C-alpha cells in the first residue's frame, strides 16, 4: 500500500547511491567504493549503471553536482562531486521506512529468525 505523499520506491542502484552520499559529497569512483564498502562487497555498481543513474537522479533533483576539484588520491584528476539534495534525503528516508516496515512484518510473521537459523 502506498500513500500519495510517499515517493515511489527507489531502484537498488539509486538507493545505494543515495545511501553512499548520505555521509558526504563524493565523486563517481568514491560512490562506487562506498557502495561496495556499505554492502560488504556484495554490491558493485559499474560506471554505466552509476552514471546513468546519476543523470536520472540529477534530472529528478535527488542529487546535485557540487563542484570539480582535485582528489589527491586520484592522480590530480579534476572530478565532479555529487551531493544528496533535500528531495534525495526525503526519498532515502521514505525507502528506509519501507524497508523497516518490511522487516517488522517479517519479524511479526516469524520469518526473520528462520532465515538465519535462529
PDB file of N, CA and C in Angstrom:
ATOM      1  N   UNK A   1       0.840  -1.172   0.000  1.00  0.00           N
ATOM      2  CA  UNK A   1       0.000   0.000   0.000  1.00  0.00           C
ATOM      3  C   UNK A   1       0.889   1.242   0.000  1.00  0.00           C
ATOM      4  N   UNK A   2       0.666   2.139  -0.916  1.00  0.00           N
ATOM      5  CA  UNK A   2       1.432   3.375  -0.963  1.00  0.00           C
ATOM      6  C   UNK A   2       0.525   4.542  -0.621  1.00  0.00           C
ATOM      7  N   UNK A   3       1.124   5.561  -0.072  1.00  0.00           N
ATOM      8  CA  UNK A   3       0.371   6.773   0.206  1.00  0.00           C
ATOM      9  C   UNK A   3       0.718   7.790  -0.866  1.00  0.00           C
ATOM     10  N   UNK A   4      -0.165   8.726  -1.090  1.00  0.00           N
ATOM     11  CA  UNK A   4       0.060   9.712  -2.139  1.00  0.00           C
ATOM     12  C   UNK A   4       1.216  10.643  -1.794  1.00  0.00           C
ATOM     13  N   UNK A   5       1.544  10.809  -0.521  1.00  0.00           N
ATOM     14  CA  UNK A   5       2.639  11.685  -0.119  1.00  0.00           C
ATOM     15  C   UNK A   5       3.998  11.006  -0.222  1.00  0.00           C
ATOM     16  N   UNK A   6       4.026   9.710  -0.323  1.00  0.00           N
ATOM     17  CA  UNK A   6       5.264   8.959  -0.316  1.00  0.00           C
ATOM     18  C   UNK A   6       5.858   8.878  -1.722  1.00  0.00           C
ATOM     19  N   UNK A   7       7.177   9.146  -1.840  1.00  0.00           N
ATOM     20  CA  UNK A   7       7.783   9.000  -3.163  1.00  0.00           C
ATOM     21  C   UNK A   7       7.756   7.536  -3.599  1.00  0.00           C
ATOM     22  N   UNK A   8       7.860   7.277  -4.895  1.00  0.00           N
ATOM     23  CA  UNK A   8       7.864   5.892  -5.362  1.00  0.00           C
ATOM     24  C   UNK A   8       9.102   5.160  -4.852  1.00  0.00           C
ATOM     25  N   UNK A   9       9.037   3.833  -4.792  1.00  0.00           N
ATOM     26  CA  UNK A   9      10.209   3.065  -4.364  1.00  0.00           C
ATOM     27  C   UNK A   9      11.409   3.366  -5.259  1.00  0.00           C
ATOM     28  N   UNK A  10      12.579   3.296  -4.662  1.00  0.00           N
ATOM     29  CA  UNK A  10      13.819   3.549  -5.393  1.00  0.00           C
ATOM     30  C   UNK A  10      14.350   2.259  -6.001  1.00  0.00           C
ATOM     31  N   UNK A  11      15.041   2.384  -7.119  1.00  0.00           N
ATOM     32  CA  UNK A  11      15.730   1.212  -7.657  1.00  0.00           C
ATOM     33  C   UNK A  11      16.885   0.895  -6.709  1.00  0.00           C
ATOM     34  N   UNK A  12      17.367  -0.346  -6.712  1.00  0.00           N
ATOM     35  CA  UNK A  12      18.507  -0.672  -5.843  1.00  0.00           C
ATOM     36  C   UNK A  12      19.713   0.235  -6.079  1.00  0.00           C
ATOM     37  N   UNK A  13      20.025   0.550  -7.340  1.00  0.00           N
ATOM     38  CA  UNK A  13      21.186   1.403  -7.617  1.00  0.00           C
ATOM     39  C   UNK A  13      20.992   2.788  -7.019  1.00  0.00           C
ATOM     40  N   UNK A  14      19.823   3.384  -7.226  1.00  0.00           N
ATOM     41  CA  UNK A  14      19.553   4.724  -6.697  1.00  0.00           C
ATOM     42  C   UNK A  14      19.592   4.697  -5.172  1.00  0.00           C
ATOM     43  N   UNK A  15      19.023   3.679  -4.569  1.00  0.00           N
ATOM     44  CA  UNK A  15      19.046   3.549  -3.113  1.00  0.00           C
ATOM     45  C   UNK A  15      20.483   3.548  -2.599  1.00  0.00           C
ATOM     46  N   UNK A  16      21.328   2.727  -3.193  1.00  0.00           N
ATOM     47  CA  UNK A  16      22.710   2.611  -2.715  1.00  0.00           C
ATOM     48  C   UNK A  16      23.522   3.880  -2.992  1.00  0.00           C
ATOM     49  N   UNK A  17      23.248   4.552  -4.092  1.00  0.00           N
ATOM     50  CA  UNK A  17      23.940   5.815  -4.378  1.00  0.00           C
ATOM     51  C   UNK A  17      23.535   6.870  -3.345  1.00  0.00           C
ATOM     52  N   UNK A  18      22.245   6.988  -3.062  1.00  0.00           N
ATOM     53  CA  UNK A  18      21.797   7.954  -2.056  1.00  0.00           C
ATOM     54  C   UNK A  18      22.366   7.613  -0.686  1.00  0.00           C
ATOM     55  N   UNK A  19      22.399   6.335  -0.355  1.00  0.00           N
ATOM     56  CA  UNK A  19      22.968   5.916   0.920  1.00  0.00           C
ATOM     57  C   UNK A  19      24.442   6.301   0.993  1.00  0.00           C
ATOM     58  N   UNK A  20      25.185   6.099  -0.102  1.00  0.00           N
ATOM     59  CA  UNK A  20      26.602   6.468  -0.130  1.00  0.00           C
ATOM     60  C   UNK A  20      26.784   7.973   0.036  1.00  0.00           C
ATOM     61  N   UNK A  21      25.893   8.758  -0.565  1.00  0.00           N
ATOM     62  CA  UNK A  21      26.008  10.219  -0.488  1.00  0.00           C
ATOM     63  C   UNK A  21      25.469  10.786   0.824  1.00  0.00           C
ATOM     64  N   UNK A  22      24.763   9.979   1.594  1.00  0.00           N
ATOM     65  CA  UNK A  22      24.171  10.477   2.839  1.00  0.00           C
ATOM     66  C   UNK A  22      25.237  10.861   3.866  1.00  0.00           C
ATOM     67  N   UNK A  23      26.448  10.337   3.712  1.00  0.00           N
ATOM     68  CA  UNK A  23      27.512  10.662   4.668  1.00  0.00           C
ATOM     69  C   UNK A  23      28.464  11.732   4.132  1.00  0.00           C
ATOM     70  N   UNK A  24      28.180  12.266   2.951  1.00  0.00           N
ATOM     71  CA  UNK A  24      29.001  13.352   2.430  1.00  0.00           C
ATOM     72  C   UNK A  24      29.147  13.311   0.928  1.00  0.00           C
ATOM     73  N   UNK A  25      29.679  14.394   0.377  1.00  0.00           N
ATOM     74  CA  UNK A  25      29.899  14.500  -1.062  1.00  0.00           C
ATOM     75  C   UNK A  25      30.909  13.455  -1.519  1.00  0.00           C
ATOM     76  N   UNK A  26      30.709  12.973  -2.747  1.00  0.00           N
ATOM     77  CA  UNK A  26      31.647  12.014  -3.323  1.00  0.00           C
ATOM     78  C   UNK A  26      31.664  12.181  -4.828  1.00  0.00           C
ATOM     79  N   UNK A  27      32.783  11.814  -5.420  1.00  0.00           N
ATOM     80  CA  UNK A  27      32.857  11.736  -6.882  1.00  0.00           C
ATOM     81  C   UNK A  27      32.448  10.325  -7.275  1.00  0.00           C
ATOM     82  N   UNK A  28      32.306  10.084  -8.579  1.00  0.00           N
ATOM     83  CA  UNK A  28      31.798   8.807  -9.060  1.00  0.00           C
ATOM     84  C   UNK A  28      32.534   7.597  -8.521  1.00  0.00           C
ATOM     85  N   UNK A  29      33.853   7.604  -8.616  1.00  0.00           N
ATOM     86  CA  UNK A  29      34.627   6.462  -8.133  1.00  0.00           C
ATOM     87  C   UNK A  29      34.439   6.299  -6.624  1.00  0.00           C
ATOM     88  N   UNK A  30      34.379   7.415  -5.908  1.00  0.00           N
ATOM     89  CA  UNK A  30      34.148   7.361  -4.462  1.00  0.00           C
ATOM     90  C   UNK A  30      32.788   6.764  -4.125  1.00  0.00           C
ATOM     91  N   UNK A  31      31.781   7.075  -4.941  1.00  0.00           N
ATOM     92  CA  UNK A  31      30.450   6.491  -4.741  1.00  0.00           C
ATOM     93  C   UNK A  31      30.525   4.977  -4.934  1.00  0.00           C
ATOM     94  N   UNK A  32      31.180   4.544  -6.023  1.00  0.00           N
ATOM     95  CA  UNK A  32      31.293   3.101  -6.285  1.00  0.00           C
ATOM     96  C   UNK A  32      31.983   2.390  -5.132  1.00  0.00           C
ATOM     97  N   UNK A  33      33.058   2.971  -4.605  1.00  0.00           N
ATOM     98  CA  UNK A  33      33.787   2.352  -3.494  1.00  0.00           C
ATOM     99  C   UNK A  33      32.948   2.346  -2.217  1.00  0.00           C
ATOM    100  N   UNK A  34      32.174   3.415  -1.975  1.00  0.00           N
ATOM    101  CA  UNK A  34      31.340   3.469  -0.769  1.00  0.00           C
ATOM    102  C   UNK A  34      30.220   2.444  -0.833  1.00  0.00           C
ATOM    103  N   UNK A  35      29.610   2.268  -2.011  1.00  0.00           N
ATOM    104  CA  UNK A  35      28.559   1.256  -2.176  1.00  0.00           C
ATOM    105  C   UNK A  35      29.139  -0.120  -1.878  1.00  0.00           C
ATOM    106  N   UNK A  36      30.311  -0.379  -2.403  1.00  0.00           N
ATOM    107  CA  UNK A  36      30.960  -1.675  -2.155  1.00  0.00           C
ATOM    108  C   UNK A  36      31.241  -1.863  -0.665  1.00  0.00           C
ATOM    109  N   UNK A  37      31.721  -0.821   0.002  1.00  0.00           N
ATOM    110  CA  UNK A  37      32.002  -0.908   1.442  1.00  0.00           C
ATOM    111  C   UNK A  37      30.710  -1.074   2.244  1.00  0.00           C
ATOM    112  N   UNK A  38      29.687  -0.280   1.897  1.00  0.00           N
ATOM    113  CA  UNK A  38      28.411  -0.360   2.624  1.00  0.00           C
ATOM    114  C   UNK A  38      27.789  -1.747   2.521  1.00  0.00           C
ATOM    115  N   UNK A  39      27.967  -2.392   1.376  1.00  0.00           N
ATOM    116  CA  UNK A  39      27.360  -3.708   1.152  1.00  0.00           C
ATOM    117  C   UNK A  39      28.303  -4.849   1.509  1.00  0.00           C
ATOM    118  N   UNK A  40      29.421  -4.534   2.127  1.00  0.00           N
ATOM    119  CA  UNK A  40      30.436  -5.518   2.487  1.00  0.00           C
ATOM    120  C   UNK A  40      30.852  -6.337   1.271  1.00  0.00           C
ATOM    121  N   UNK A  41      30.989  -5.655   0.139  1.00  0.00           N
ATOM    122  CA  UNK A  41      31.461  -6.283  -1.084  1.00  0.00           C
ATOM    123  C   UNK A  41      30.417  -7.061  -1.865  1.00  0.00           C
ATOM    124  N   UNK A  42      29.174  -7.050  -1.421  1.00  0.00           N
ATOM    125  CA  UNK A  42      28.125  -7.831  -2.086  1.00  0.00           C
ATOM    126  C   UNK A  42      27.503  -7.100  -3.280  1.00  0.00           C
ATOM    127  N   UNK A  43      27.655  -5.782  -3.327  1.00  0.00           N
ATOM    128  CA  UNK A  43      27.083  -4.999  -4.424  1.00  0.00           C
ATOM    129  C   UNK A  43      28.191  -4.166  -5.045  1.00  0.00           C
ATOM    130  N   UNK A  44      28.292  -4.259  -6.357  1.00  0.00           N
ATOM    131  CA  UNK A  44      29.240  -3.435  -7.096  1.00  0.00           C
ATOM    132  C   UNK A  44      28.462  -2.730  -8.198  1.00  0.00           C
ATOM    133  N   UNK A  45      28.527  -1.419  -8.197  1.00  0.00           N
ATOM    134  CA  UNK A  45      27.861  -0.633  -9.236  1.00  0.00           C
ATOM    135  C   UNK A  45      28.931  -0.244 -10.243  1.00  0.00           C
ATOM    136  N   UNK A  46      28.738  -0.638 -11.480  1.00  0.00           N
ATOM    137  CA  UNK A  46      29.688  -0.292 -12.530  1.00  0.00           C
ATOM    138  C   UNK A  46      29.476   1.125 -13.029  1.00  0.00           C
ATOM    139  N   UNK A  47      30.426   1.631 -13.820  1.00  0.00           N
ATOM    140  CA  UNK A  47      30.330   3.006 -14.313  1.00  0.00           C
ATOM    141  C   UNK A  47      29.064   3.285 -15.126  1.00  0.00           C
ATOM    142  N   UNK A  48      28.638   2.358 -15.964  1.00  0.00           N
ATOM    143  CA  UNK A  48      27.434   2.578 -16.773  1.00  0.00           C
ATOM    144  C   UNK A  48      26.200   2.766 -15.918  1.00  0.00           C
ATOM    145  N   UNK A  49      26.023   1.879 -14.947  1.00  0.00           N
ATOM    146  CA  UNK A  49      24.890   1.984 -14.032  1.00  0.00           C
ATOM    147  C   UNK A  49      25.001   3.248 -13.197  1.00  0.00           C
ATOM    148  N   UNK A  50      26.189   3.524 -12.690  1.00  0.00           N
ATOM    149  CA  UNK A  50      26.387   4.686 -11.831  1.00  0.00           C
ATOM    150  C   UNK A  50      26.051   5.979 -12.559  1.00  0.00           C
ATOM    151  N   UNK A  51      26.682   6.204 -13.708  1.00  0.00           N
ATOM    152  CA  UNK A  51      26.496   7.492 -14.367  1.00  0.00           C
ATOM    153  C   UNK A  51      25.122   7.624 -15.025  1.00  0.00           C
ATOM    154  N   UNK A  52      24.533   6.523 -15.475  1.00  0.00           N
ATOM    155  CA  UNK A  52      23.156   6.561 -15.963  1.00  0.00           C
ATOM    156  C   UNK A  52      22.194   6.923 -14.838  1.00  0.00           C
ATOM    157  N   UNK A  53      22.413   6.290 -13.674  1.00  0.00           N
ATOM    158  CA  UNK A  53      21.572   6.588 -12.507  1.00  0.00           C
ATOM    159  C   UNK A  53      21.769   8.025 -12.047  1.00  0.00           C
ATOM    160  N   UNK A  54      23.029   8.481 -11.992  1.00  0.00           N
ATOM    161  CA  UNK A  54      23.291   9.850 -11.553  1.00  0.00           C
ATOM    162  C   UNK A  54      22.616  10.866 -12.472  1.00  0.00           C
ATOM    163  N   UNK A  55      22.622  10.615 -13.774  1.00  0.00           N
ATOM    164  CA  UNK A  55      21.965  11.540 -14.707  1.00  0.00           C
ATOM    165  C   UNK A  55      20.475  11.625 -14.392  1.00  0.00           C
ATOM    166  N   UNK A  56      19.835  10.470 -14.216  1.00  0.00           N
ATOM    167  CA  UNK A  56      18.397  10.471 -13.892  1.00  0.00           C
ATOM    168  C   UNK A  56      18.147  11.115 -12.527  1.00  0.00           C
ATOM    169  N   UNK A  57      19.056  10.877 -11.588  1.00  0.00           N
ATOM    170  CA  UNK A  57      18.908  11.447 -10.249  1.00  0.00           C
ATOM    171  C   UNK A  57      19.086  12.974 -10.277  1.00  0.00           C
ATOM    172  N   UNK A  58      20.012  13.460 -11.114  1.00  0.00           N
ATOM    173  CA  UNK A  58      20.173  14.903 -11.292  1.00  0.00           C
ATOM    174  C   UNK A  58      18.898  15.505 -11.872  1.00  0.00           C
ATOM    175  N   UNK A  59      18.361  14.851 -12.905  1.00  0.00           N
ATOM    176  CA  UNK A  59      17.130  15.334 -13.547  1.00  0.00           C
ATOM    177  C   UNK A  59      15.953  15.354 -12.575  1.00  0.00           C
ATOM    178  N   UNK A  60      15.913  14.381 -11.658  1.00  0.00           N
ATOM    179  CA  UNK A  60      14.816  14.280 -10.693  1.00  0.00           C
ATOM    180  C   UNK A  60      15.045  15.155  -9.456  1.00  0.00           C
ATOM    181  N   UNK A  61      16.215  15.754  -9.349  1.00  0.00           N
ATOM    182  CA  UNK A  61      16.503  16.604  -8.199  1.00  0.00           C
ATOM    183  C   UNK A  61      16.915  15.860  -6.949  1.00  0.00           C
ATOM    184  N   UNK A  62      17.264  14.579  -7.076  1.00  0.00           N
ATOM    185  CA  UNK A  62      17.669  13.793  -5.907  1.00  0.00           C
ATOM    186  C   UNK A  62      19.102  14.105  -5.478  1.00  0.00           C
ATOM    187  N   UNK A  63      19.937  14.462  -6.450  1.00  0.00           N
ATOM    188  CA  UNK A  63      21.324  14.834  -6.191  1.00  0.00           C
ATOM    189  C   UNK A  63      21.640  16.084  -7.001  1.00  0.00           C
ATOM    190  N   UNK A  64      22.737  16.714  -6.644  1.00  0.00           N
ATOM    191  CA  UNK A  64      23.227  17.839  -7.449  1.00  0.00           C
ATOM    192  C   UNK A  64      24.737  17.756  -7.520  1.00  0.00           C
ATOM    193  N   UNK A  65      25.275  18.373  -8.570  1.00  0.00           N
ATOM    194  CA  UNK A  65      26.724  18.449  -8.693  1.00  0.00           C
ATOM    195  C   UNK A  65      27.216  19.474  -7.701  1.00  0.00           C
ATOM    196  N   UNK A  66      28.280  19.145  -7.015  1.00  0.00           N
ATOM    197  CA  UNK A  66      28.845  20.061  -6.042  1.00  0.00           C
ATOM    198  C   UNK A  66      29.842  20.981  -6.736  1.00  0.00           C
ATOM    199  N   UNK A  67      30.962  20.453  -7.128  1.00  0.00           N
ATOM    200  CA  UNK A  67      31.948  21.214  -7.882  1.00  0.00           C
ATOM    201  C   UNK A  67      32.982  20.252  -8.435  1.00  0.00           C
ATOM    202  N   UNK A  68      33.886  20.790  -9.210  1.00  0.00           N
ATOM    203  CA  UNK A  68      35.009  19.986  -9.694  1.00  0.00           C
ATOM    204  C   UNK A  68      36.199  20.358  -8.844  1.00  0.00           C
ATOM    205  N   UNK A  69      36.885  19.353  -8.363  1.00  0.00           N
ATOM    206  CA  UNK A  69      38.094  19.623  -7.598  1.00  0.00           C
ATOM    207  C   UNK A  69      39.038  18.437  -7.690  1.00  0.00           C
ATOM    208  N   UNK A  70      40.235  18.668  -7.276  1.00  0.00           N
ATOM    209  CA  UNK A  70      41.269  17.648  -7.344  1.00  0.00           C
ATOM    210  C   UNK A  70      41.075  16.675  -6.186  1.00  0.00           C
ATOM    211  N   UNK A  71      41.154  15.387  -6.504  1.00  0.00           N
ATOM    212  CA  UNK A  71      41.162  14.356  -5.473  1.00  0.00           C
ATOM    213  C   UNK A  71      42.598  13.885  -5.348  1.00  0.00           C
ATOM    214  N   UNK A  72      43.253  14.147  -4.215  1.00  0.00           N
ATOM    215  CA  UNK A  72      44.666  13.803  -4.087  1.00  0.00           C
ATOM    216  C   UNK A  72      44.953  12.311  -4.235  1.00  0.00           C
ATOM    217  N   UNK A  73      43.958  11.472  -3.999  1.00  0.00           N
ATOM    218  CA  UNK A  73      44.157  10.027  -4.139  1.00  0.00           C
ATOM    219  C   UNK A  73      44.001   9.552  -5.577  1.00  0.00           C
ATOM    220  N   UNK A  74      43.594  10.436  -6.478  1.00  0.00           N
ATOM    221  CA  UNK A  74      43.293  10.032  -7.853  1.00  0.00           C
ATOM    222  C   UNK A  74      44.174  10.741  -8.875  1.00  0.00           C
ATOM    223  N   UNK A  75      45.462  10.884  -8.586  1.00  0.00           N
ATOM    224  CA  UNK A  75      46.435  11.437  -9.535  1.00  0.00           C
ATOM    225  C   UNK A  75      46.077  12.829 -10.043  1.00  0.00           C
ATOM    226  N   UNK A  76      45.580  13.690  -9.164  1.00  0.00           N
ATOM    227  CA  UNK A  76      45.288  15.079  -9.503  1.00  0.00           C
ATOM    228  C   UNK A  76      44.238  15.269 -10.586  1.00  0.00           C
ATOM    229  N   UNK A  77      43.428  14.262 -10.862  1.00  0.00           N
ATOM    230  CA  UNK A  77      42.351  14.444 -11.838  1.00  0.00           C
ATOM    231  C   UNK A  77      41.271  15.323 -11.223  1.00  0.00           C
ATOM    232  N   UNK A  78      40.708  16.199 -12.043  1.00  0.00           N
ATOM    233  CA  UNK A  78      39.579  17.000 -11.567  1.00  0.00           C
ATOM    234  C   UNK A  78      38.323  16.147 -11.715  1.00  0.00           C
ATOM    235  N   UNK A  79      37.588  16.047 -10.651  1.00  0.00           N
ATOM    236  CA  UNK A  79      36.415  15.179 -10.621  1.00  0.00           C
ATOM    237  C   UNK A  79      35.189  15.970 -10.210  1.00  0.00           C
ATOM    238  N   UNK A  80      34.049  15.537 -10.734  1.00  0.00           N
ATOM    239  CA  UNK A  80      32.779  16.137 -10.318  1.00  0.00           C
ATOM    240  C   UNK A  80      32.334  15.432  -9.050  1.00  0.00           C
ATOM    241  N   UNK A  81      32.016  16.226  -8.055  1.00  0.00           N
ATOM    242  CA  UNK A  81      31.499  15.678  -6.810  1.00  0.00           C
ATOM    243  C   UNK A  81      29.981  15.839  -6.810  1.00  0.00           C
ATOM    244  N   UNK A  82      29.310  14.885  -6.189  1.00  0.00           N
ATOM    245  CA  UNK A  82      27.850  14.892  -6.106  1.00  0.00           C
ATOM    246  C   UNK A  82      27.455  14.954  -4.642  1.00  0.00           C
ATOM    247  N   UNK A  83      26.307  15.575  -4.391  1.00  0.00           N
ATOM    248  CA  UNK A  83      25.772  15.600  -3.038  1.00  0.00           C
ATOM    249  C   UNK A  83      24.269  15.368  -3.091  1.00  0.00           C
ATOM    250  N   UNK A  84      23.779  14.781  -2.029  1.00  0.00           N
ATOM    251  CA  UNK A  84      22.351  14.498  -1.914  1.00  0.00           C
ATOM    252  C   UNK A  84      21.623  15.819  -1.662  1.00  0.00           C
ATOM    253  N   UNK A  85      20.436  15.959  -2.218  1.00  0.00           N
ATOM    254  CA  UNK A  85      19.609  17.152  -2.005  1.00  0.00           C
ATOM    255  C   UNK A  85      18.566  16.846  -0.931  1.00  0.00           C
ATOM    256  N   UNK A  86      17.798  17.854  -0.569  1.00  0.00           N
ATOM    257  CA  UNK A  86      16.700  17.635   0.381  1.00  0.00           C
ATOM    258  C   UNK A  86      15.698  16.621  -0.146  1.00  0.00           C
ATOM    259  N   UNK A  87      15.389  16.716  -1.437  1.00  0.00           N
ATOM    260  CA  UNK A  87      14.461  15.755  -2.056  1.00  0.00           C
ATOM    261  C   UNK A  87      15.058  14.348  -2.012  1.00  0.00           C
ATOM    262  N   UNK A  88      16.358  14.243  -2.269  1.00  0.00           N
ATOM    263  CA  UNK A  88      17.028  12.946  -2.213  1.00  0.00           C
ATOM    264  C   UNK A  88      17.016  12.366  -0.812  1.00  0.00           C
ATOM    265  N   UNK A  89      17.250  13.216   0.189  1.00  0.00           N
ATOM    266  CA  UNK A  89      17.224  12.758   1.583  1.00  0.00           C
ATOM    267  C   UNK A  89      15.829  12.274   1.967  1.00  0.00           C
ATOM    268  N   UNK A  90      14.791  12.982   1.497  1.00  0.00           N
ATOM    269  CA  UNK A  90      13.411  12.552   1.771  1.00  0.00           C
ATOM    270  C   UNK A  90      13.112  11.216   1.101  1.00  0.00           C
ATOM    271  N   UNK A  91      13.575  11.044  -0.139  1.00  0.00           N
ATOM    272  CA  UNK A  91      13.346   9.781  -0.849  1.00  0.00           C
ATOM    273  C   UNK A  91      14.070   8.633  -0.146  1.00  0.00           C
ATOM    274  N   UNK A  92      15.300   8.888   0.316  1.00  0.00           N
ATOM    275  CA  UNK A  92      16.053   7.861   1.042  1.00  0.00           C
ATOM    276  C   UNK A  92      15.350   7.508   2.350  1.00  0.00           C
ATOM    277  N   UNK A  93      14.881   8.510   3.077  1.00  0.00           N
ATOM    278  CA  UNK A  93      14.173   8.256   4.339  1.00  0.00           C
ATOM    279  C   UNK A  93      12.904   7.445   4.105  1.00  0.00           C
ATOM    280  N   UNK A  94      12.173   7.760   3.033  1.00  0.00           N
ATOM    281  CA  UNK A  94      10.948   7.012   2.724  1.00  0.00           C
ATOM    282  C   UNK A  94      11.280   5.557   2.385  1.00  0.00           C
ATOM    283  N   UNK A  95      12.363   5.352   1.648  1.00  0.00           N
ATOM    284  CA  UNK A  95      12.760   3.979   1.296  1.00  0.00           C
ATOM    285  C   UNK A  95      13.192   3.206   2.531  1.00  0.00           C
ATOM    286  N   UNK A  96      13.937   3.836   3.411  1.00  0.00           N
ATOM    287  CA  UNK A  96      14.352   3.176   4.648  1.00  0.00           C
ATOM    288  C   UNK A  96      13.144   2.837   5.512  1.00  0.00           C
ATOM    289  N   UNK A  97      12.134   3.693   5.519  1.00  0.00           N
ATOM    290  CA  UNK A  97      10.905   3.399   6.266  1.00  0.00           C
ATOM    291  C   UNK A  97      10.179   2.214   5.653  1.00  0.00           C
ATOM    292  N   UNK A  98      10.160   2.133   4.309  1.00  0.00           N
ATOM    293  CA  UNK A  98       9.560   0.953   3.650  1.00  0.00           C
ATOM    294  C   UNK A  98      10.295  -0.312   4.077  1.00  0.00           C
ATOM    295  N   UNK A  99      11.617  -0.254   4.088  1.00  0.00           N
ATOM    296  CA  UNK A  99      12.416  -1.424   4.500  1.00  0.00           C
ATOM    297  C   UNK A  99      12.123  -1.780   5.955  1.00  0.00           C
ATOM    298  N   UNK A 100      12.025  -0.753   6.820  1.00  0.00           N
ATOM    299  CA  UNK A 100      11.757  -1.011   8.233  1.00  0.00           C
ATOM    300  C   UNK A 100      10.417  -1.736   8.407  1.00  0.00           C
ATOM    301  N   UNK A 101       9.392  -1.286   7.646  1.00  0.00           N
ATOM    302  CA  UNK A 101       8.076  -1.925   7.732  1.00  0.00           C
ATOM    303  C   UNK A 101       8.141  -3.369   7.241  1.00  0.00           C
ATOM    304  N   UNK A 102       8.889  -3.621   6.195  1.00  0.00           N
ATOM    305  CA  UNK A 102       9.016  -4.991   5.670  1.00  0.00           C
ATOM    306  C   UNK A 102       9.700  -5.895   6.683  1.00  0.00           C
ATOM    307  N   UNK A 103      10.781  -5.413   7.299  1.00  0.00           N
ATOM    308  CA  UNK A 103      11.485  -6.208   8.303  1.00  0.00           C
ATOM    309  C   UNK A 103      10.571  -6.457   9.503  1.00  0.00           C
ATOM    310  N   UNK A 104       9.821  -5.436   9.911  1.00  0.00           N
ATOM    311  CA  UNK A 104       8.889  -5.585  11.026  1.00  0.00           C
ATOM    312  C   UNK A 104       7.824  -6.643  10.712  1.00  0.00           C
ATOM    313  N   UNK A 105       7.292  -6.599   9.507  1.00  0.00           N
ATOM    314  CA  UNK A 105       6.296  -7.593   9.091  1.00  0.00           C
ATOM    315  C   UNK A 105       6.898  -8.999   9.089  1.00  0.00           C
ATOM    316  N   UNK A 106       8.111  -9.126   8.584  1.00  0.00           N
ATOM    317  CA  UNK A 106       8.774 -10.435   8.570  1.00  0.00           C
ATOM    318  C   UNK A 106       8.991 -10.950   9.996  1.00  0.00           C
ATOM    319  N   UNK A 107       9.337 -10.049  10.911  1.00  0.00           N
ATOM    320  CA  UNK A 107       9.516 -10.456  12.300  1.00  0.00           C
ATOM    321  C   UNK A 107       8.188 -10.882  12.925  1.00  0.00           C
ATOM    322  N   UNK A 108       7.112 -10.118  12.635  1.00  0.00           N
ATOM    323  CA  UNK A 108       5.792 -10.476  13.157  1.00  0.00           C
ATOM    324  C   UNK A 108       5.367 -11.861  12.677  1.00  0.00           C
ATOM    325  N   UNK A 109       5.696 -12.176  11.446  1.00  0.00           N
ATOM    326  CA  UNK A 109       5.336 -13.476  10.876  1.00  0.00           C
ATOM    327  C   UNK A 109       6.370 -14.549  11.196  1.00  0.00           C
ATOM    328  N   UNK A 110       7.329 -14.187  12.007  1.00  0.00           N
ATOM    329  CA  UNK A 110       8.379 -15.093  12.444  1.00  0.00           C
ATOM    330  C   UNK A 110       9.171 -15.666  11.265  1.00  0.00           C
ATOM    331  N   UNK A 111       9.296 -14.880  10.214  1.00  0.00           N
ATOM    332  CA  UNK A 111      10.077 -15.275   9.050  1.00  0.00           C
ATOM    333  C   UNK A 111      11.537 -14.896   9.221  1.00  0.00           C
ATOM    334  N   UNK A 112      11.768 -13.793   9.860  1.00  0.00           N
ATOM    335  CA  UNK A 112      13.105 -13.247  10.007  1.00  0.00           C
ATOM    336  C   UNK A 112      14.052 -14.206  10.728  1.00  0.00           C
ATOM    337  N   UNK A 113      13.688 -14.739  11.909  1.00  0.00           N
ATOM    338  CA  UNK A 113      14.613 -15.647  12.603  1.00  0.00           C
ATOM    339  C   UNK A 113      14.885 -16.932  11.818  1.00  0.00           C
ATOM    340  N   UNK A 114      13.867 -17.468  11.132  1.00  0.00           N
ATOM    341  CA  UNK A 114      14.054 -18.704  10.371  1.00  0.00           C
ATOM    342  C   UNK A 114      15.109 -18.534   9.286  1.00  0.00           C
ATOM    343  N   UNK A 115      15.126 -17.382   8.677  1.00  0.00           N
ATOM    344  CA  UNK A 115      16.049 -17.144   7.580  1.00  0.00           C
ATOM    345  C   UNK A 115      17.502 -17.225   8.049  1.00  0.00           C
ATOM    346  N   UNK A 116      17.726 -17.028   9.346  1.00  0.00           N
ATOM    347  CA  UNK A 116      19.083 -17.046   9.873  1.00  0.00           C
ATOM    348  C   UNK A 116      19.317 -18.234  10.798  1.00  0.00           C
ATOM    349  N   UNK A 117      18.454 -19.214  10.733  1.00  0.00           N
ATOM    350  CA  UNK A 117      18.635 -20.432  11.509  1.00  0.00           C
ATOM    351  C   UNK A 117      18.468 -20.256  13.000  1.00  0.00           C
ATOM    352  N   UNK A 118      17.751 -19.207  13.419  1.00  0.00           N
ATOM    353  CA  UNK A 118      17.553 -18.958  14.850  1.00  0.00           C
ATOM    354  C   UNK A 118      16.319 -19.692  15.322  1.00  0.00           C
TER     355      UNK A 118
END
